[in-house]
Amino acid sequence: MLRKIRIALAVVFWLGITLLLLDFTGALHGWLGWMAKIQFLPAVMALNVAVIVGLVLLTLVFGRVYCSVICPLGVFQDGVAHLNVARKRKNKNRKPYSYSPEMKWLRYGVWAVFIIRRSWPCWPRTAPGDASSRTCSSRSTCG
């Protein structure tokens, strides 16, 4: 039952944020604007202490709820992972993920790209909300 509630809330948040980002008239901002205000990085940049403390407490009490329900890219990532597992899982007894040895070159490569990207003056563009908004805006203007 909890899984169904989490999935339903994730769909509501993902659709709400996506509609808010696609709304070029501003008509939905009155109803869905609070969804954008509870995103982590915008709350940090606005020094919204109540939202930051609330998200930290929510994470401490319920675990990965921010990434799997509130963050639009986390919800998208969970959806893509579920589709991939459902596609690969033909045998019901087989586990969806298996062990693979660590790939240090991949770990340190991603880390180096992250460090180099963070050193540029435009570092907020690496935020999940910003990436999601750029994806939605590029999709809505493509014809």
Protein backbone atom coordinates (compact mmCIF):
# COMPACT_ATOMS: atom_id res chain seq x y z
CA MET A 1 0.00 0.00 0.00
CA LEU A 2 2.82 2.43 0.85
CA ARG A 3 4.44 1.74 -2.51
CA LYS A 4 1.21 2.65 -4.33
CA ILE A 5 0.92 5.88 -2.33
CA ARG A 6 4.55 6.78 -3.13
CA ILE A 7 4.05 6.10 -6.83
CA ALA A 8 0.81 8.11 -6.92
CA LEU A 9 2.45 11.07 -5.16
CA ALA A 10 5.47 10.81 -7.47
CA VAL A 11 3.24 10.96 -10.54
CA VAL A 12 1.36 13.95 -9.12
CA PHE A 13 4.59 15.82 -8.35
CA TRP A 14 6.19 14.95 -11.68
CA LEU A 15 3.13 16.02 -13.67
CA GLY A 16 2.73 19.16 -11.56
CA ILE A 17 6.34 20.28 -11.99
CA THR A 18 6.27 19.42 -15.69
CA LEU A 19 3.04 21.36 -16.23
CA LEU A 20 4.45 24.26 -14.24
CA LEU A 21 7.56 24.32 -16.42
CA LEU A 22 5.55 24.05 -19.65
CA ASP A 23 3.08 26.78 -18.64
CA PHE A 24 4.29 29.83 -20.53
CA THR A 25 1.19 31.89 -19.64
CA GLY A 26 1.71 31.69 -15.88
CA ALA A 27 -1.85 30.49 -15.27
CA LEU A 28 -0.80 27.43 -13.26
CA HIS A 29 1.72 29.26 -11.09
CA GLY A 30 -0.94 30.18 -8.54
CA TRP A 31 -1.86 26.53 -7.98
CA LEU A 32 1.43 24.74 -8.60
CA GLY A 33 3.98 27.37 -7.61
CA TRP A 34 4.50 25.75 -4.20
CA MET A 35 5.91 22.67 -5.94
CA ALA A 36 8.75 24.73 -7.36
CA LYS A 37 9.39 26.39 -4.00
CA ILE A 38 9.97 23.09 -2.18
CA GLN A 39 12.73 21.97 -4.53
CA PHE A 40 16.00 21.76 -2.63
CA LEU A 41 18.38 23.99 -4.61
CA PRO A 42 15.89 26.86 -5.13
CA ALA A 43 15.17 26.74 -1.38
CA VAL A 44 18.90 26.91 -0.60
CA MET A 45 19.43 29.78 -3.02
CA ALA A 46 16.45 31.67 -1.56
CA LEU A 47 17.63 30.89 2.00
CA ASN A 48 14.25 29.33 2.76
CA VAL A 49 15.23 27.71 6.06
CA ALA A 50 11.79 26.21 6.71
CA VAL A 51 11.83 24.24 3.45
CA ILE A 52 15.44 23.12 3.94
CA VAL A 53 14.80 21.91 7.50
CA GLY A 54 11.53 20.28 6.39
CA LEU A 55 13.23 18.40 3.56
CA VAL A 56 16.06 17.27 5.83
CA LEU A 57 13.61 16.05 8.48
CA LEU A 58 11.46 14.37 5.83
CA THR A 59 14.55 12.56 4.54
CA LEU A 60 15.70 11.55 8.01
CA VAL A 61 12.27 10.15 8.92
CA PHE A 62 11.16 8.57 5.64
CA GLY A 63 14.41 7.97 3.76
CA ARG A 64 14.73 8.64 0.05
CA VAL A 65 11.35 10.33 -0.26
CA TYR A 66 12.71 13.57 -1.76
CA CYS A 67 14.47 11.81 -4.64
CA SER A 68 11.69 9.34 -5.31
CA VAL A 69 8.68 11.64 -4.91
CA ILE A 70 9.46 15.37 -4.99
CA CYS A 71 12.45 15.75 -7.35
CA PRO A 72 11.28 15.54 -10.99
CA LEU A 73 14.52 13.98 -12.24
CA GLY A 74 14.51 11.41 -9.42
CA VAL A 75 10.98 10.38 -10.38
CA PHE A 76 12.00 10.20 -14.04
CA GLN A 77 15.05 8.10 -13.12
CA ASP A 78 12.91 5.69 -11.09
CA GLY A 79 10.48 5.36 -14.00
CA VAL A 80 13.21 4.64 -16.54
CA ALA A 81 14.84 2.13 -14.17
CA HIS A 82 11.48 0.37 -13.71
CA LEU A 83 10.92 0.18 -17.47
CA ASN A 84 14.41 -1.23 -17.99
CA VAL A 85 13.94 -3.85 -15.28
CA ALA A 86 10.52 -4.80 -16.63
CA ARG A 87 11.97 -5.18 -20.13
CA LYS A 88 14.90 -7.33 -19.02
CA ARG A 89 13.00 -9.47 -16.54
CA LYS A 90 11.65 -12.40 -18.50
CA ASN A 91 12.37 -15.00 -15.83
CA LYS A 92 10.39 -14.17 -12.67
CA ASN A 93 12.99 -15.84 -10.39
CA ARG A 94 15.86 -13.72 -11.72
CA LYS A 95 16.82 -10.64 -9.75
CA PRO A 96 16.53 -7.36 -11.69
CA TYR A 97 20.04 -6.17 -10.75
CA SER A 98 23.19 -8.21 -10.44
CA TYR A 99 26.62 -7.63 -8.95
CA SER A 100 29.28 -6.03 -11.08
CA PRO A 101 32.79 -5.15 -9.95
CA GLU A 102 33.55 -1.51 -9.32
CA MET A 103 34.68 0.61 -12.24
CA LYS A 104 37.10 3.10 -10.77
CA TRP A 105 37.69 4.78 -14.11
CA LEU A 106 33.98 5.58 -14.35
CA ARG A 107 33.73 6.79 -10.74
CA TYR A 108 36.75 9.07 -10.96
CA GLY A 109 35.84 10.23 -14.46
CA VAL A 110 32.38 11.35 -13.36
CA TRP A 111 33.91 12.91 -10.25
CA ALA A 112 36.44 14.86 -12.34
CA VAL A 113 33.73 16.12 -14.70
CA PHE A 114 31.67 17.18 -11.67
CA ILE A 115 34.59 19.04 -10.09
CA ILE A 116 35.49 20.78 -13.36
CA ARG A 117 31.84 21.69 -13.96
CA ARG A 118 31.45 23.04 -10.42
CA SER A 119 34.49 25.28 -10.86
CA TRP A 120 32.80 27.17 -13.69
CA PRO A 121 30.86 30.29 -12.67
CA CYS A 122 27.58 28.92 -14.02
CA TRP A 123 27.38 26.01 -11.54
CA PRO A 124 23.63 26.30 -10.76
CA ARG A 125 22.90 25.05 -14.28
CA THR A 126 23.84 21.57 -13.06
CA ALA A 127 20.86 21.46 -10.70
CA PRO A 128 18.18 18.81 -11.37
CA GLY A 129 15.39 21.39 -11.48
CA ASP A 130 17.26 23.52 -13.98
CA ALA A 131 18.01 20.49 -16.16
CA SER A 132 14.35 19.48 -15.98
CA SER A 133 13.17 22.97 -16.91
CA ARG A 134 15.58 23.15 -19.86
CA THR A 135 14.34 19.75 -21.06
CA CYS A 136 10.70 20.81 -20.83
CA SER A 137 11.28 24.17 -22.50
CA SER A 138 13.23 22.60 -25.37
CA ARG A 139 10.45 20.05 -25.89
CA SER A 140 7.70 22.68 -25.90
CA THR A 141 9.41 24.87 -28.51
CA CYS A 142 10.28 22.08 -30.94
CA GLY A 143 7.18 22.37 -32.94
